Amino acid sequence: MELLLSGDVETGKAVLRDFINATIGFEKLGELTDTPAKSLMRMFGPKGNPRADNLFGVIRRLQEETGVHLAVAAA
């Protein structure tokens, strides 16, 4: 998330894609978000451009499924 927030969207998407693959996988994430797995793969691919509602929906589901919770703090 830090990469996405700092403007390094390409690297941020790549790290998020790796996290998805290493944890629940795109198939299960697709079931949880009611989004086809292939659409999610494209969304987080090099040319993908996820909308904010899709991105935050994915993050919410990942937090619920993995137990990893993100917090934002002012620097």
N, C-alpha and C. Protein backbone atom coordinates (compact mmCIF):
# COMPACT_ATOMS: atom_id res chain seq x y z
N MET A 1 0.82 -1.18 0.00
CA MET A 1 0.00 0.00 0.00
C MET A 1 0.87 1.25 0.00
N GLU A 2 1.99 1.18 0.69
CA GLU A 2 2.88 2.33 0.74
C GLU A 2 3.35 2.73 -0.66
N LEU A 3 3.63 1.73 -1.49
CA LEU A 3 4.05 2.01 -2.87
C LEU A 3 2.94 2.69 -3.65
N LEU A 4 1.72 2.19 -3.52
CA LEU A 4 0.59 2.80 -4.22
C LEU A 4 0.38 4.24 -3.76
N LEU A 5 0.44 4.46 -2.46
CA LEU A 5 0.21 5.80 -1.92
C LEU A 5 1.32 6.78 -2.31
N SER A 6 2.53 6.26 -2.53
CA SER A 6 3.65 7.13 -2.90
C SER A 6 3.68 7.40 -4.40
N GLY A 7 2.79 6.76 -5.16
CA GLY A 7 2.72 7.01 -6.59
C GLY A 7 3.38 5.96 -7.46
N ASP A 8 4.02 4.97 -6.86
CA ASP A 8 4.64 3.88 -7.64
C ASP A 8 3.60 2.79 -7.88
N VAL A 9 2.65 3.10 -8.75
CA VAL A 9 1.49 2.24 -8.97
C VAL A 9 1.91 0.90 -9.58
N GLU A 10 2.82 0.91 -10.54
CA GLU A 10 3.22 -0.33 -11.19
C GLU A 10 3.81 -1.32 -10.19
N THR A 11 4.74 -0.87 -9.36
CA THR A 11 5.35 -1.75 -8.37
C THR A 11 4.33 -2.15 -7.31
N GLY A 12 3.48 -1.22 -6.91
CA GLY A 12 2.44 -1.51 -5.92
C GLY A 12 1.50 -2.60 -6.40
N LYS A 13 1.08 -2.53 -7.67
CA LYS A 13 0.21 -3.57 -8.23
C LYS A 13 0.94 -4.90 -8.29
N ALA A 14 2.22 -4.88 -8.64
CA ALA A 14 3.00 -6.12 -8.74
C ALA A 14 3.12 -6.78 -7.36
N VAL A 15 3.37 -5.99 -6.34
CA VAL A 15 3.49 -6.54 -4.97
C VAL A 15 2.13 -7.07 -4.51
N LEU A 16 1.07 -6.35 -4.80
CA LEU A 16 -0.27 -6.81 -4.42
C LEU A 16 -0.61 -8.10 -5.16
N ARG A 17 -0.27 -8.19 -6.44
CA ARG A 17 -0.50 -9.41 -7.23
C ARG A 17 0.27 -10.59 -6.61
N ASP A 18 1.52 -10.35 -6.22
CA ASP A 18 2.31 -11.41 -5.57
C ASP A 18 1.68 -11.83 -4.25
N PHE A 19 1.17 -10.86 -3.48
CA PHE A 19 0.53 -11.16 -2.21
C PHE A 19 -0.72 -12.02 -2.42
N ILE A 20 -1.51 -11.66 -3.42
CA ILE A 20 -2.72 -12.44 -3.73
C ILE A 20 -2.33 -13.87 -4.08
N ASN A 21 -1.35 -14.02 -4.95
CA ASN A 21 -0.90 -15.35 -5.36
C ASN A 21 -0.35 -16.16 -4.19
N ALA A 22 0.33 -15.51 -3.27
CA ALA A 22 0.95 -16.20 -2.14
C ALA A 22 -0.03 -16.53 -1.02
N THR A 23 -1.20 -15.90 -1.03
CA THR A 23 -2.15 -16.14 0.05
C THR A 23 -3.37 -16.90 -0.46
N ILE A 24 -4.40 -16.21 -0.89
CA ILE A 24 -5.65 -16.89 -1.22
C ILE A 24 -5.80 -17.23 -2.69
N GLY A 25 -5.05 -16.59 -3.55
CA GLY A 25 -5.14 -16.85 -4.99
C GLY A 25 -6.27 -16.08 -5.64
N PHE A 26 -6.17 -15.93 -6.95
CA PHE A 26 -7.16 -15.14 -7.69
C PHE A 26 -8.51 -15.83 -7.80
N GLU A 27 -8.53 -17.15 -7.83
CA GLU A 27 -9.82 -17.85 -7.94
C GLU A 27 -10.68 -17.58 -6.71
N LYS A 28 -10.10 -17.77 -5.53
CA LYS A 28 -10.87 -17.53 -4.29
C LYS A 28 -11.21 -16.06 -4.14
N LEU A 29 -10.27 -15.17 -4.48
CA LEU A 29 -10.55 -13.74 -4.41
C LEU A 29 -11.70 -13.38 -5.33
N GLY A 30 -11.75 -14.00 -6.50
CA GLY A 30 -12.84 -13.76 -7.43
C GLY A 30 -14.18 -14.16 -6.84
N GLU A 31 -14.21 -15.30 -6.15
CA GLU A 31 -15.44 -15.74 -5.50
C GLU A 31 -15.87 -14.76 -4.42
N LEU A 32 -14.91 -14.29 -3.65
CA LEU A 32 -15.21 -13.39 -2.53
C LEU A 32 -15.67 -12.00 -2.98
N THR A 33 -15.19 -11.57 -4.14
CA THR A 33 -15.51 -10.23 -4.62
C THR A 33 -16.56 -10.23 -5.73
N ASP A 34 -17.04 -11.42 -6.10
CA ASP A 34 -17.99 -11.54 -7.21
C ASP A 34 -17.43 -10.93 -8.50
N THR A 35 -16.13 -11.14 -8.70
CA THR A 35 -15.44 -10.65 -9.89
C THR A 35 -14.70 -11.83 -10.51
N PRO A 36 -14.82 -12.03 -11.82
CA PRO A 36 -14.08 -13.14 -12.43
C PRO A 36 -12.58 -13.05 -12.16
N ALA A 37 -11.97 -14.19 -11.88
CA ALA A 37 -10.54 -14.23 -11.57
C ALA A 37 -9.71 -13.61 -12.68
N LYS A 38 -10.07 -13.86 -13.93
CA LYS A 38 -9.31 -13.30 -15.05
C LYS A 38 -9.40 -11.77 -15.07
N SER A 39 -10.54 -11.23 -14.68
CA SER A 39 -10.66 -9.77 -14.60
C SER A 39 -9.75 -9.21 -13.52
N LEU A 40 -9.69 -9.91 -12.39
CA LEU A 40 -8.80 -9.47 -11.31
C LEU A 40 -7.34 -9.55 -11.75
N MET A 41 -6.98 -10.61 -12.47
CA MET A 41 -5.60 -10.75 -12.95
C MET A 41 -5.25 -9.61 -13.89
N ARG A 42 -6.17 -9.25 -14.78
CA ARG A 42 -5.92 -8.13 -15.69
C ARG A 42 -5.83 -6.82 -14.91
N MET A 43 -6.72 -6.65 -13.93
CA MET A 43 -6.77 -5.43 -13.14
C MET A 43 -5.43 -5.16 -12.45
N PHE A 44 -4.80 -6.20 -11.96
CA PHE A 44 -3.54 -6.04 -11.24
C PHE A 44 -2.33 -6.38 -12.10
N GLY A 45 -2.55 -6.55 -13.39
CA GLY A 45 -1.46 -6.78 -14.33
C GLY A 45 -0.77 -5.47 -14.68
N PRO A 46 0.31 -5.56 -15.47
CA PRO A 46 1.09 -4.36 -15.82
C PRO A 46 0.28 -3.26 -16.50
N LYS A 47 -0.71 -3.63 -17.30
CA LYS A 47 -1.51 -2.62 -18.00
C LYS A 47 -2.84 -2.35 -17.31
N GLY A 48 -3.08 -3.01 -16.18
CA GLY A 48 -4.34 -2.85 -15.47
C GLY A 48 -4.45 -1.51 -14.78
N ASN A 49 -5.69 -1.08 -14.60
CA ASN A 49 -5.96 0.18 -13.93
C ASN A 49 -7.21 0.02 -13.07
N PRO A 50 -7.05 -0.57 -11.88
CA PRO A 50 -8.23 -0.84 -11.05
C PRO A 50 -8.88 0.46 -10.57
N ARG A 51 -10.21 0.46 -10.62
CA ARG A 51 -10.96 1.58 -10.04
C ARG A 51 -10.82 1.52 -8.53
N ALA A 52 -11.01 2.65 -7.90
CA ALA A 52 -10.87 2.73 -6.44
C ALA A 52 -11.79 1.75 -5.73
N ASP A 53 -13.04 1.63 -6.18
CA ASP A 53 -13.97 0.72 -5.50
C ASP A 53 -13.51 -0.72 -5.62
N ASN A 54 -12.95 -1.10 -6.77
CA ASN A 54 -12.43 -2.46 -6.92
C ASN A 54 -11.19 -2.68 -6.06
N LEU A 55 -10.29 -1.72 -6.07
CA LEU A 55 -9.05 -1.84 -5.29
C LEU A 55 -9.36 -1.98 -3.80
N PHE A 56 -10.21 -1.10 -3.28
CA PHE A 56 -10.52 -1.17 -1.85
C PHE A 56 -11.35 -2.38 -1.49
N GLY A 57 -12.19 -2.86 -2.41
CA GLY A 57 -12.92 -4.09 -2.17
C GLY A 57 -11.99 -5.29 -2.07
N VAL A 58 -10.99 -5.32 -2.93
CA VAL A 58 -9.99 -6.40 -2.88
C VAL A 58 -9.21 -6.32 -1.58
N ILE A 59 -8.77 -5.13 -1.21
CA ILE A 59 -8.00 -4.97 0.03
C ILE A 59 -8.83 -5.42 1.23
N ARG A 60 -10.10 -5.05 1.24
CA ARG A 60 -10.98 -5.45 2.36
C ARG A 60 -11.08 -6.97 2.46
N ARG A 61 -11.30 -7.63 1.33
CA ARG A 61 -11.41 -9.10 1.34
C ARG A 61 -10.10 -9.75 1.73
N LEU A 62 -8.98 -9.21 1.25
CA LEU A 62 -7.68 -9.77 1.63
C LEU A 62 -7.44 -9.64 3.13
N GLN A 63 -7.82 -8.50 3.70
CA GLN A 63 -7.67 -8.33 5.15
C GLN A 63 -8.51 -9.34 5.91
N GLU A 64 -9.75 -9.53 5.47
CA GLU A 64 -10.64 -10.48 6.14
C GLU A 64 -10.10 -11.90 6.06
N GLU A 65 -9.59 -12.29 4.90
CA GLU A 65 -9.16 -13.67 4.69
C GLU A 65 -7.78 -13.98 5.26
N THR A 66 -6.88 -13.00 5.26
CA THR A 66 -5.51 -13.28 5.69
C THR A 66 -5.23 -12.86 7.13
N GLY A 67 -6.08 -11.99 7.67
CA GLY A 67 -5.83 -11.50 9.03
C GLY A 67 -4.79 -10.39 9.07
N VAL A 68 -4.29 -9.99 7.91
CA VAL A 68 -3.34 -8.87 7.83
C VAL A 68 -4.16 -7.60 7.67
N HIS A 69 -4.05 -6.70 8.62
CA HIS A 69 -4.83 -5.48 8.57
C HIS A 69 -3.92 -4.27 8.40
N LEU A 70 -4.32 -3.38 7.51
CA LEU A 70 -3.55 -2.20 7.19
C LEU A 70 -4.08 -1.01 7.97
N ALA A 71 -3.19 -0.09 8.28
CA ALA A 71 -3.58 1.14 8.95
C ALA A 71 -2.82 2.30 8.31
N VAL A 72 -3.45 3.43 8.25
CA VAL A 72 -2.83 4.62 7.69
C VAL A 72 -2.55 5.57 8.85
N ALA A 73 -1.34 6.12 8.85
CA ALA A 73 -0.97 7.05 9.90
C ALA A 73 -0.33 8.30 9.25
N ALA A 74 -0.59 9.44 9.82
CA ALA A 74 0.01 10.67 9.32
C ALA A 74 1.50 10.66 9.64
N ALA A 75 2.27 11.10 8.67
CA ALA A 75 3.74 11.13 8.88
C ALA A 75 4.20 12.53 9.19
